[in-house]
Amino acid sequence: MTLTLGPDWERNLWCSPFRLSFGLNEGGAYVTMFTTSYDRARSLARAALLTEMPIAVVAAYPEPETELGAERHGWMRGTGFDHLRELGVPTEDALATWTGYCWPGDEEDDEAVPWVHRAVQLRWDQADILLWNQLAQDIGVAPRAAVKSKLVDLGRGLSVDAYDDRGMDITALTKSAISGLYERFDEWLLGYDRDRMKEAFEG
């Protein structure tokens, strides 16, 4: 099963039972929380995405200048893609571009706003910047850009979502695509979600 780029690229992943939930930081000092999260996120992403040129789906905040801390982050002018380019990840040469919502059910929310998405193929050093940016969202690490991103394998039908420094979800359309990660990284699986994962991957 494969994924197709466009507004509905995630729809089948959202309802897939084959989702692994990993814990990233283990507490401790502020810097340690972030560095542990970053090290784990990079290890998991490379284990999941068996390629030297991963694809990322990057979604830009519609109005970054209205976000909390926008002036401090330098978001008063330009788009999220502009800010990301300054960090070292250009998105102009996109594989695909579309406008769509970021979460299931947003289309039914009167206050939800569609975001601009760009799918781009990257080197791993650029993908690492996207992981940094995701993990920095809530912990307050800088620099960062006003975007959200996921790394994907279209052919194997899976996505890697480091949602913040606390955790990462790796979701696939088929069990076989990520069952090896379930066994290999058992110690990093989130305890509260183990029953669901056990049913999906051992049932």
N, C-alpha and C. Protein backbone atom coordinates (compact mmCIF):
# COMPACT_ATOMS: atom_id res chain seq x y z
N MET A 1 0.84 -1.20 0.00
CA MET A 1 0.00 0.00 0.00
C MET A 1 0.88 1.25 0.00
N THR A 2 0.48 2.24 -0.76
CA THR A 2 1.29 3.44 -0.93
C THR A 2 0.52 4.69 -0.53
N LEU A 3 1.25 5.78 -0.40
CA LEU A 3 0.67 7.09 -0.13
C LEU A 3 0.78 7.96 -1.37
N THR A 4 -0.21 8.83 -1.57
CA THR A 4 -0.23 9.75 -2.70
C THR A 4 -0.24 11.17 -2.18
N LEU A 5 0.66 12.01 -2.66
CA LEU A 5 0.74 13.38 -2.20
C LEU A 5 -0.48 14.18 -2.62
N GLY A 6 -0.96 15.02 -1.73
CA GLY A 6 -2.13 15.85 -2.00
C GLY A 6 -2.88 16.09 -0.71
N PRO A 7 -4.00 16.82 -0.75
CA PRO A 7 -4.74 17.18 0.46
C PRO A 7 -5.17 16.00 1.32
N ASP A 8 -5.39 14.84 0.73
CA ASP A 8 -5.85 13.67 1.49
C ASP A 8 -4.74 12.66 1.74
N TRP A 9 -3.48 13.09 1.69
CA TRP A 9 -2.39 12.12 1.75
C TRP A 9 -2.36 11.33 3.06
N GLU A 10 -2.88 11.94 4.14
CA GLU A 10 -2.83 11.28 5.45
C GLU A 10 -4.10 10.54 5.83
N ARG A 11 -5.14 10.65 5.04
CA ARG A 11 -6.45 10.16 5.49
C ARG A 11 -6.42 8.70 5.91
N ASN A 12 -5.79 7.85 5.12
CA ASN A 12 -5.73 6.43 5.47
C ASN A 12 -4.82 6.16 6.66
N LEU A 13 -3.78 6.98 6.84
CA LEU A 13 -2.91 6.82 8.00
C LEU A 13 -3.65 7.16 9.29
N TRP A 14 -4.53 8.16 9.25
CA TRP A 14 -5.24 8.56 10.45
C TRP A 14 -6.09 7.43 11.03
N CYS A 15 -6.58 6.55 10.18
CA CYS A 15 -7.42 5.47 10.69
C CYS A 15 -6.68 4.13 10.77
N SER A 16 -5.38 4.14 10.52
CA SER A 16 -4.61 2.90 10.58
C SER A 16 -4.36 2.50 12.04
N PRO A 17 -4.51 1.21 12.37
CA PRO A 17 -4.19 0.76 13.73
C PRO A 17 -2.69 0.58 13.94
N PHE A 18 -1.90 0.68 12.87
CA PHE A 18 -0.47 0.38 12.96
C PHE A 18 0.32 1.66 13.23
N ARG A 19 0.21 2.12 14.47
CA ARG A 19 0.88 3.34 14.91
C ARG A 19 1.72 3.01 16.14
N LEU A 20 3.00 3.34 16.07
CA LEU A 20 3.90 3.18 17.19
C LEU A 20 4.11 4.53 17.87
N SER A 21 3.93 4.56 19.18
CA SER A 21 4.08 5.79 19.96
C SER A 21 5.34 5.68 20.82
N PHE A 22 6.31 6.53 20.55
CA PHE A 22 7.58 6.49 21.25
C PHE A 22 7.73 7.70 22.16
N GLY A 23 8.31 7.47 23.35
CA GLY A 23 8.70 8.56 24.22
C GLY A 23 10.08 9.04 23.81
N LEU A 24 10.29 10.34 23.85
CA LEU A 24 11.58 10.89 23.43
C LEU A 24 12.42 11.40 24.59
N ASN A 25 11.91 12.32 25.39
CA ASN A 25 12.76 12.77 26.49
C ASN A 25 12.45 11.99 27.76
N GLU A 26 13.45 11.88 28.62
CA GLU A 26 13.32 11.13 29.86
C GLU A 26 13.39 12.04 31.08
N GLY A 27 13.11 13.32 30.88
CA GLY A 27 13.20 14.24 31.99
C GLY A 27 14.63 14.69 32.24
N GLY A 28 14.85 15.22 33.42
CA GLY A 28 16.18 15.70 33.76
C GLY A 28 16.34 17.17 33.45
N ALA A 29 17.58 17.59 33.28
CA ALA A 29 17.87 18.99 33.01
C ALA A 29 17.25 19.40 31.67
N TYR A 30 16.97 20.69 31.56
CA TYR A 30 16.30 21.23 30.37
C TYR A 30 17.05 20.87 29.09
N VAL A 31 18.36 21.09 29.06
CA VAL A 31 19.14 20.79 27.87
C VAL A 31 19.15 19.30 27.60
N THR A 32 19.26 18.49 28.64
CA THR A 32 19.27 17.04 28.47
C THR A 32 17.96 16.54 27.88
N MET A 33 16.85 17.12 28.32
CA MET A 33 15.56 16.71 27.76
C MET A 33 15.55 16.90 26.25
N PHE A 34 16.08 18.05 25.81
CA PHE A 34 16.05 18.32 24.37
C PHE A 34 17.04 17.44 23.62
N THR A 35 18.26 17.31 24.12
CA THR A 35 19.27 16.53 23.38
C THR A 35 18.89 15.06 23.33
N THR A 36 18.32 14.53 24.40
CA THR A 36 17.86 13.14 24.38
C THR A 36 16.76 12.96 23.34
N SER A 37 15.83 13.90 23.31
CA SER A 37 14.74 13.83 22.34
C SER A 37 15.27 13.86 20.91
N TYR A 38 16.21 14.76 20.67
CA TYR A 38 16.76 14.91 19.32
C TYR A 38 17.52 13.66 18.88
N ASP A 39 18.32 13.10 19.78
CA ASP A 39 19.07 11.88 19.46
C ASP A 39 18.11 10.72 19.14
N ARG A 40 17.09 10.57 19.96
CA ARG A 40 16.14 9.47 19.74
C ARG A 40 15.36 9.68 18.44
N ALA A 41 14.92 10.90 18.21
CA ALA A 41 14.13 11.18 17.01
C ALA A 41 14.92 10.87 15.75
N ARG A 42 16.19 11.26 15.72
CA ARG A 42 17.01 10.97 14.55
C ARG A 42 17.23 9.47 14.37
N SER A 43 17.46 8.77 15.46
CA SER A 43 17.65 7.31 15.37
C SER A 43 16.40 6.62 14.84
N LEU A 44 15.24 7.00 15.37
CA LEU A 44 13.99 6.38 14.94
C LEU A 44 13.66 6.72 13.48
N ALA A 45 13.88 7.97 13.09
CA ALA A 45 13.57 8.36 11.72
C ALA A 45 14.42 7.59 10.72
N ARG A 46 15.70 7.44 11.02
CA ARG A 46 16.58 6.71 10.10
C ARG A 46 16.23 5.23 10.04
N ALA A 47 15.80 4.68 11.17
CA ALA A 47 15.41 3.27 11.19
C ALA A 47 14.12 3.03 10.41
N ALA A 48 13.23 4.02 10.44
CA ALA A 48 11.94 3.87 9.76
C ALA A 48 12.04 4.14 8.27
N LEU A 49 12.84 5.13 7.90
CA LEU A 49 12.92 5.58 6.51
C LEU A 49 14.21 5.07 5.88
N LEU A 50 14.12 4.01 5.15
CA LEU A 50 15.31 3.32 4.63
C LEU A 50 15.75 3.95 3.32
N THR A 51 16.19 5.21 3.40
CA THR A 51 16.57 5.95 2.21
C THR A 51 17.60 7.00 2.57
N GLU A 52 18.38 7.42 1.60
CA GLU A 52 19.32 8.51 1.79
C GLU A 52 18.70 9.86 1.47
N MET A 53 17.51 9.86 0.85
CA MET A 53 16.85 11.10 0.45
C MET A 53 15.38 11.06 0.90
N PRO A 54 15.11 11.30 2.18
CA PRO A 54 13.73 11.23 2.66
C PRO A 54 12.86 12.33 2.08
N ILE A 55 11.57 12.07 2.04
CA ILE A 55 10.59 13.06 1.63
C ILE A 55 9.94 13.65 2.88
N ALA A 56 9.76 14.96 2.87
CA ALA A 56 9.08 15.64 3.97
C ALA A 56 7.84 16.34 3.44
N VAL A 57 6.78 16.30 4.21
CA VAL A 57 5.60 17.12 3.95
C VAL A 57 5.63 18.25 4.98
N VAL A 58 5.77 19.47 4.48
CA VAL A 58 5.92 20.64 5.34
C VAL A 58 4.70 21.53 5.19
N ALA A 59 4.09 21.88 6.31
CA ALA A 59 2.92 22.75 6.31
C ALA A 59 3.26 24.06 7.00
N ALA A 60 2.97 25.19 6.34
CA ALA A 60 3.30 26.50 6.90
C ALA A 60 2.11 27.11 7.62
N TYR A 61 2.36 27.70 8.80
CA TYR A 61 1.32 28.44 9.51
C TYR A 61 0.76 29.50 8.58
N PRO A 62 -0.55 29.65 8.52
CA PRO A 62 -1.14 30.66 7.62
C PRO A 62 -0.69 32.09 7.94
N GLU A 63 -0.58 32.44 9.24
CA GLU A 63 -0.21 33.80 9.63
C GLU A 63 0.82 33.73 10.75
N PRO A 64 2.08 33.46 10.43
CA PRO A 64 3.10 33.30 11.49
C PRO A 64 3.28 34.54 12.36
N GLU A 65 2.99 35.72 11.79
CA GLU A 65 3.17 36.95 12.55
C GLU A 65 2.20 37.07 13.72
N THR A 66 1.13 36.25 13.73
CA THR A 66 0.16 36.29 14.83
C THR A 66 0.46 35.28 15.92
N GLU A 67 1.47 34.45 15.72
CA GLU A 67 1.79 33.42 16.71
C GLU A 67 2.48 34.02 17.92
N LEU A 68 2.32 33.35 19.07
CA LEU A 68 2.97 33.79 20.30
C LEU A 68 4.48 33.80 20.12
N GLY A 69 5.11 34.89 20.45
CA GLY A 69 6.56 35.00 20.33
C GLY A 69 7.04 35.28 18.92
N ALA A 70 6.14 35.70 18.03
CA ALA A 70 6.50 35.91 16.63
C ALA A 70 7.62 36.93 16.47
N GLU A 71 7.56 38.02 17.22
CA GLU A 71 8.60 39.06 17.08
C GLU A 71 9.95 38.52 17.53
N ARG A 72 9.96 37.78 18.63
CA ARG A 72 11.21 37.22 19.14
C ARG A 72 11.81 36.22 18.15
N HIS A 73 10.96 35.46 17.47
CA HIS A 73 11.43 34.45 16.52
C HIS A 73 11.74 35.02 15.14
N GLY A 74 11.39 36.29 14.90
CA GLY A 74 11.64 36.87 13.59
C GLY A 74 10.59 36.50 12.56
N TRP A 75 9.35 36.31 13.01
CA TRP A 75 8.28 35.88 12.11
C TRP A 75 7.35 37.02 11.68
N MET A 76 7.71 38.26 11.94
CA MET A 76 6.81 39.36 11.63
C MET A 76 6.70 39.60 10.13
N ARG A 77 7.68 39.13 9.36
CA ARG A 77 7.62 39.24 7.91
C ARG A 77 7.95 37.88 7.30
N GLY A 78 7.38 37.62 6.13
CA GLY A 78 7.68 36.39 5.43
C GLY A 78 6.78 35.24 5.85
N THR A 79 6.92 34.14 5.13
CA THR A 79 6.12 32.95 5.40
C THR A 79 6.92 31.94 6.21
N GLY A 80 6.24 30.92 6.67
CA GLY A 80 6.94 29.84 7.36
C GLY A 80 8.00 29.20 6.49
N PHE A 81 7.74 29.10 5.19
CA PHE A 81 8.72 28.54 4.27
C PHE A 81 9.96 29.44 4.16
N ASP A 82 9.75 30.76 4.22
CA ASP A 82 10.88 31.69 4.22
C ASP A 82 11.75 31.47 5.46
N HIS A 83 11.12 31.33 6.61
CA HIS A 83 11.86 31.13 7.85
C HIS A 83 12.59 29.80 7.82
N LEU A 84 11.97 28.79 7.25
CA LEU A 84 12.61 27.47 7.18
C LEU A 84 13.82 27.50 6.26
N ARG A 85 13.72 28.24 5.17
CA ARG A 85 14.86 28.36 4.26
C ARG A 85 16.06 28.99 4.97
N GLU A 86 15.80 29.93 5.86
CA GLU A 86 16.89 30.56 6.61
C GLU A 86 17.57 29.55 7.55
N LEU A 87 16.83 28.53 7.95
CA LEU A 87 17.42 27.49 8.79
C LEU A 87 18.19 26.45 7.97
N GLY A 88 18.02 26.48 6.65
CA GLY A 88 18.77 25.56 5.81
C GLY A 88 17.95 24.53 5.06
N VAL A 89 16.61 24.72 5.03
CA VAL A 89 15.74 23.76 4.33
C VAL A 89 14.92 24.51 3.28
N PRO A 90 15.38 24.55 2.03
CA PRO A 90 14.59 25.18 0.97
C PRO A 90 13.44 24.28 0.55
N THR A 91 12.32 24.89 0.22
CA THR A 91 11.14 24.11 -0.19
C THR A 91 10.60 24.54 -1.55
N GLU A 92 11.28 25.45 -2.22
CA GLU A 92 10.76 25.98 -3.48
C GLU A 92 10.68 24.90 -4.57
N ASP A 93 11.62 23.99 -4.59
CA ASP A 93 11.64 22.93 -5.60
C ASP A 93 10.83 21.74 -5.10
N ALA A 94 9.52 21.96 -4.94
CA ALA A 94 8.65 20.97 -4.32
C ALA A 94 8.21 19.88 -5.29
N LEU A 95 8.04 18.68 -4.77
CA LEU A 95 7.48 17.58 -5.54
C LEU A 95 5.99 17.82 -5.79
N ALA A 96 5.34 18.45 -4.82
CA ALA A 96 3.91 18.76 -4.92
C ALA A 96 3.60 19.88 -3.93
N THR A 97 2.59 20.67 -4.24
CA THR A 97 2.12 21.75 -3.37
C THR A 97 0.60 21.72 -3.33
N TRP A 98 0.02 21.92 -2.14
CA TRP A 98 -1.44 21.95 -2.04
C TRP A 98 -1.84 22.73 -0.79
N THR A 99 -3.10 23.06 -0.73
CA THR A 99 -3.67 23.72 0.45
C THR A 99 -4.65 22.75 1.09
N GLY A 100 -4.52 22.58 2.39
CA GLY A 100 -5.40 21.64 3.08
C GLY A 100 -5.27 21.75 4.58
N TYR A 101 -6.08 21.00 5.28
CA TYR A 101 -6.08 21.02 6.74
C TYR A 101 -5.01 20.08 7.29
N CYS A 102 -4.68 20.29 8.56
CA CYS A 102 -3.59 19.52 9.17
C CYS A 102 -4.05 18.37 10.05
N TRP A 103 -5.30 18.39 10.52
CA TRP A 103 -5.76 17.36 11.45
C TRP A 103 -7.13 16.84 11.03
N PRO A 104 -7.43 15.60 11.39
CA PRO A 104 -8.74 15.03 11.05
C PRO A 104 -9.87 15.87 11.64
N GLY A 105 -10.90 16.10 10.85
CA GLY A 105 -12.06 16.85 11.33
C GLY A 105 -11.95 18.35 11.19
N ASP A 106 -10.78 18.86 10.80
CA ASP A 106 -10.63 20.31 10.68
C ASP A 106 -11.59 20.92 9.68
N GLU A 107 -11.92 20.16 8.63
CA GLU A 107 -12.81 20.70 7.61
C GLU A 107 -14.20 21.00 8.15
N GLU A 108 -14.53 20.42 9.31
CA GLU A 108 -15.83 20.66 9.93
C GLU A 108 -15.78 21.75 10.99
N ASP A 109 -14.58 22.28 11.25
CA ASP A 109 -14.39 23.31 12.25
C ASP A 109 -14.41 24.69 11.58
N ASP A 110 -15.39 25.52 11.97
CA ASP A 110 -15.53 26.84 11.35
C ASP A 110 -14.32 27.73 11.58
N GLU A 111 -13.55 27.47 12.64
CA GLU A 111 -12.40 28.31 12.94
C GLU A 111 -11.09 27.77 12.36
N ALA A 112 -11.11 26.56 11.85
CA ALA A 112 -9.90 25.97 11.28
C ALA A 112 -9.56 26.64 9.95
N VAL A 113 -8.28 26.82 9.70
CA VAL A 113 -7.80 27.48 8.48
C VAL A 113 -6.91 26.51 7.71
N PRO A 114 -7.13 26.39 6.40
CA PRO A 114 -6.24 25.53 5.60
C PRO A 114 -4.81 26.08 5.60
N TRP A 115 -3.84 25.18 5.59
CA TRP A 115 -2.43 25.54 5.53
C TRP A 115 -1.87 25.19 4.16
N VAL A 116 -0.82 25.87 3.76
CA VAL A 116 -0.12 25.52 2.53
C VAL A 116 0.88 24.41 2.84
N HIS A 117 0.83 23.36 2.04
CA HIS A 117 1.72 22.21 2.21
C HIS A 117 2.66 22.10 1.02
N ARG A 118 3.90 21.73 1.28
CA ARG A 118 4.86 21.43 0.22
C ARG A 118 5.54 20.10 0.56
N ALA A 119 5.59 19.22 -0.41
CA ALA A 119 6.33 17.97 -0.26
C ALA A 119 7.67 18.13 -0.95
N VAL A 120 8.74 17.87 -0.21
CA VAL A 120 10.08 18.07 -0.75
C VAL A 120 10.97 16.87 -0.43
N GLN A 121 11.92 16.61 -1.31
CA GLN A 121 12.90 15.56 -1.06
C GLN A 121 14.16 16.21 -0.52
N LEU A 122 14.71 15.63 0.55
CA LEU A 122 15.78 16.26 1.29
C LEU A 122 16.97 15.33 1.51
N ARG A 123 18.09 15.92 1.86
CA ARG A 123 19.20 15.17 2.43
C ARG A 123 18.90 14.95 3.92
N TRP A 124 19.62 14.03 4.54
CA TRP A 124 19.36 13.77 5.96
C TRP A 124 19.73 14.96 6.85
N ASP A 125 20.76 15.73 6.48
CA ASP A 125 21.08 16.88 7.32
C ASP A 125 19.95 17.90 7.32
N GLN A 126 19.22 17.99 6.19
CA GLN A 126 18.06 18.88 6.13
C GLN A 126 16.87 18.28 6.88
N ALA A 127 16.69 16.98 6.76
CA ALA A 127 15.62 16.32 7.52
C ALA A 127 15.86 16.48 9.02
N ASP A 128 17.11 16.45 9.44
CA ASP A 128 17.43 16.65 10.85
C ASP A 128 17.01 18.03 11.33
N ILE A 129 17.11 19.04 10.45
CA ILE A 129 16.65 20.38 10.81
C ILE A 129 15.14 20.38 11.05
N LEU A 130 14.41 19.65 10.22
CA LEU A 130 12.96 19.55 10.44
C LEU A 130 12.65 18.86 11.76
N LEU A 131 13.40 17.81 12.10
CA LEU A 131 13.19 17.15 13.38
C LEU A 131 13.48 18.12 14.53
N TRP A 132 14.58 18.85 14.43
CA TRP A 132 14.90 19.88 15.43
C TRP A 132 13.73 20.84 15.59
N ASN A 133 13.21 21.30 14.45
CA ASN A 133 12.13 22.28 14.47
C ASN A 133 10.88 21.73 15.15
N GLN A 134 10.57 20.48 14.89
CA GLN A 134 9.40 19.86 15.54
C GLN A 134 9.59 19.75 17.04
N LEU A 135 10.75 19.28 17.45
CA LEU A 135 11.00 19.07 18.88
C LEU A 135 11.07 20.38 19.64
N ALA A 136 11.42 21.46 18.94
CA ALA A 136 11.54 22.77 19.58
C ALA A 136 10.21 23.46 19.79
N GLN A 137 9.12 22.91 19.25
CA GLN A 137 7.82 23.60 19.25
C GLN A 137 7.39 24.05 20.64
N ASP A 138 7.42 23.14 21.62
CA ASP A 138 6.87 23.46 22.94
C ASP A 138 7.93 23.70 24.00
N ILE A 139 9.14 23.20 23.79
CA ILE A 139 10.15 23.31 24.83
C ILE A 139 10.85 24.67 24.82
N GLY A 140 10.66 25.45 23.74
CA GLY A 140 11.18 26.81 23.70
C GLY A 140 12.59 26.94 23.18
N VAL A 141 13.06 25.92 22.47
CA VAL A 141 14.40 25.99 21.89
C VAL A 141 14.36 26.80 20.60
N ALA A 142 15.41 27.54 20.33
CA ALA A 142 15.51 28.34 19.11
C ALA A 142 16.87 28.07 18.46
N PRO A 143 16.98 28.36 17.15
CA PRO A 143 15.97 28.94 16.27
C PRO A 143 14.97 27.89 15.80
N ARG A 144 13.84 28.38 15.31
CA ARG A 144 12.86 27.50 14.69
C ARG A 144 12.00 28.29 13.73
N ALA A 145 11.33 27.57 12.85
CA ALA A 145 10.48 28.19 11.83
C ALA A 145 9.02 27.89 12.11
N ALA A 146 8.16 28.72 11.54
CA ALA A 146 6.72 28.59 11.77
C ALA A 146 6.10 27.57 10.83
N VAL A 147 6.55 26.32 10.96
CA VAL A 147 6.03 25.23 10.14
C VAL A 147 5.88 23.97 10.98
N LYS A 148 5.07 23.06 10.47
CA LYS A 148 5.01 21.69 11.00
C LYS A 148 5.39 20.75 9.87
N SER A 149 6.00 19.63 10.22
CA SER A 149 6.45 18.72 9.17
C SER A 149 6.39 17.27 9.61
N LYS A 150 6.29 16.40 8.62
CA LYS A 150 6.38 14.96 8.83
C LYS A 150 7.27 14.39 7.74
N LEU A 151 8.02 13.35 8.07
CA LEU A 151 8.83 12.64 7.10
C LEU A 151 8.05 11.42 6.64
N VAL A 152 8.12 11.11 5.34
CA VAL A 152 7.27 10.05 4.81
C VAL A 152 8.03 9.12 3.86
N ASP A 153 7.55 7.91 3.78
CA ASP A 153 7.97 6.94 2.76
C ASP A 153 6.71 6.62 1.97
N LEU A 154 6.59 7.18 0.79
CA LEU A 154 5.38 7.02 0.00
C LEU A 154 5.18 5.58 -0.44
N GLY A 155 6.25 4.93 -0.90
CA GLY A 155 6.13 3.58 -1.41
C GLY A 155 5.77 2.56 -0.36
N ARG A 156 6.32 2.71 0.86
CA ARG A 156 6.04 1.77 1.94
C ARG A 156 4.86 2.22 2.79
N GLY A 157 4.32 3.40 2.51
CA GLY A 157 3.11 3.85 3.18
C GLY A 157 3.29 4.12 4.66
N LEU A 158 4.25 4.97 5.02
CA LEU A 158 4.44 5.28 6.43
C LEU A 158 4.84 6.74 6.63
N SER A 159 4.59 7.23 7.83
CA SER A 159 4.98 8.60 8.17
C SER A 159 5.64 8.63 9.54
N VAL A 160 6.54 9.59 9.70
CA VAL A 160 7.26 9.81 10.96
C VAL A 160 6.87 11.19 11.46
N ASP A 161 6.26 11.25 12.63
CA ASP A 161 5.75 12.51 13.17
C ASP A 161 6.33 12.74 14.55
N ALA A 162 7.39 13.54 14.62
CA ALA A 162 7.94 13.97 15.91
C ALA A 162 7.16 15.21 16.33
N TYR A 163 6.13 15.02 17.15
CA TYR A 163 5.19 16.12 17.37
C TYR A 163 5.73 17.17 18.34
N ASP A 164 6.56 16.80 19.29
CA ASP A 164 7.32 17.75 20.11
C ASP A 164 8.37 16.95 20.86
N ASP A 165 9.03 17.57 21.87
CA ASP A 165 10.13 16.88 22.53
C ASP A 165 9.69 15.66 23.33
N ARG A 166 8.39 15.53 23.57
CA ARG A 166 7.91 14.41 24.39
C ARG A 166 7.74 13.13 23.61
N GLY A 167 7.38 13.22 22.32
CA GLY A 167 7.07 11.97 21.65
C GLY A 167 7.09 12.01 20.15
N MET A 168 7.07 10.82 19.58
CA MET A 168 7.07 10.63 18.14
C MET A 168 6.14 9.47 17.80
N ASP A 169 5.31 9.67 16.77
CA ASP A 169 4.47 8.59 16.25
C ASP A 169 5.02 8.15 14.89
N ILE A 170 5.13 6.86 14.70
CA ILE A 170 5.45 6.30 13.39
C ILE A 170 4.27 5.43 12.99
N THR A 171 3.61 5.81 11.92
CA THR A 171 2.36 5.18 11.49
C THR A 171 2.53 4.60 10.10
N ALA A 172 1.95 3.42 9.88
CA ALA A 172 2.05 2.77 8.58
C ALA A 172 0.70 2.22 8.16
N LEU A 173 0.54 2.02 6.87
CA LEU A 173 -0.69 1.43 6.36
C LEU A 173 -0.72 -0.07 6.58
N THR A 174 0.46 -0.69 6.71
CA THR A 174 0.55 -2.13 6.94
C THR A 174 1.42 -2.43 8.15
N LYS A 175 1.13 -3.51 8.83
CA LYS A 175 1.92 -3.91 10.00
C LYS A 175 3.35 -4.23 9.64
N SER A 176 3.56 -4.87 8.51
CA SER A 176 4.90 -5.33 8.14
C SER A 176 5.89 -4.18 7.94
N ALA A 177 5.37 -3.00 7.59
CA ALA A 177 6.26 -1.86 7.31
C ALA A 177 7.02 -1.41 8.55
N ILE A 178 6.43 -1.58 9.75
CA ILE A 178 7.09 -1.06 10.96
C ILE A 178 7.14 -2.06 12.11
N SER A 179 6.77 -3.32 11.87
CA SER A 179 6.79 -4.30 12.96
C SER A 179 8.20 -4.49 13.53
N GLY A 180 9.21 -4.34 12.68
CA GLY A 180 10.58 -4.46 13.16
C GLY A 180 10.94 -3.39 14.17
N LEU A 181 10.38 -2.18 14.00
CA LEU A 181 10.62 -1.10 14.94
C LEU A 181 9.97 -1.39 16.28
N TYR A 182 8.82 -2.04 16.26
CA TYR A 182 8.11 -2.41 17.49
C TYR A 182 8.99 -3.30 18.36
N GLU A 183 9.71 -4.20 17.75
CA GLU A 183 10.59 -5.09 18.50
C GLU A 183 11.92 -4.43 18.85
N ARG A 184 12.49 -3.72 17.90
CA ARG A 184 13.83 -3.16 18.06
C ARG A 184 13.90 -2.05 19.10
N PHE A 185 12.85 -1.22 19.16
CA PHE A 185 12.86 -0.07 20.06
C PHE A 185 11.83 -0.21 21.18
N ASP A 186 11.66 -1.42 21.65
CA ASP A 186 10.66 -1.71 22.69
C ASP A 186 10.82 -0.81 23.91
N GLU A 187 12.04 -0.53 24.33
CA GLU A 187 12.26 0.25 25.55
C GLU A 187 11.79 1.69 25.42
N TRP A 188 11.64 2.19 24.21
CA TRP A 188 11.24 3.57 24.01
C TRP A 188 9.73 3.73 23.80
N LEU A 189 9.01 2.63 23.70
CA LEU A 189 7.56 2.73 23.49
C LEU A 189 6.89 3.35 24.72
N LEU A 190 5.89 4.19 24.48
CA LEU A 190 5.19 4.85 25.57
C LEU A 190 4.33 3.86 26.35
N GLY A 191 4.51 3.85 27.66
CA GLY A 191 3.82 2.88 28.50
C GLY A 191 2.31 2.94 28.42
N TYR A 192 1.75 4.16 28.40
CA TYR A 192 0.29 4.29 28.43
C TYR A 192 -0.37 3.72 27.19
N ASP A 193 0.39 3.55 26.11
CA ASP A 193 -0.18 3.10 24.83
C ASP A 193 0.22 1.66 24.49
N ARG A 194 0.84 0.98 25.43
CA ARG A 194 1.36 -0.35 25.13
C ARG A 194 0.26 -1.37 24.83
N ASP A 195 -0.85 -1.31 25.53
CA ASP A 195 -1.93 -2.28 25.30
C ASP A 195 -2.43 -2.18 23.87
N ARG A 196 -2.65 -0.95 23.38
CA ARG A 196 -3.12 -0.78 22.01
C ARG A 196 -2.09 -1.29 21.01
N MET A 197 -0.82 -0.96 21.25
CA MET A 197 0.23 -1.39 20.32
C MET A 197 0.39 -2.91 20.35
N LYS A 198 0.28 -3.50 21.51
CA LYS A 198 0.40 -4.96 21.61
C LYS A 198 -0.69 -5.64 20.82
N GLU A 199 -1.91 -5.13 20.92
CA GLU A 199 -3.02 -5.72 20.15
C GLU A 199 -2.80 -5.58 18.66
N ALA A 200 -2.27 -4.42 18.23
CA ALA A 200 -2.07 -4.19 16.80
C ALA A 200 -0.92 -5.01 16.24
N PHE A 201 0.17 -5.16 16.99
CA PHE A 201 1.37 -5.76 16.44
C PHE A 201 1.59 -7.21 16.89
N GLU A 202 0.87 -7.66 17.91
CA GLU A 202 1.02 -9.04 18.34
C GLU A 202 -0.27 -9.84 18.17
N GLY A 203 -1.39 -9.14 17.99
CA GLY A 203 -2.68 -9.81 17.89
C GLY A 203 -2.85 -10.51 16.56
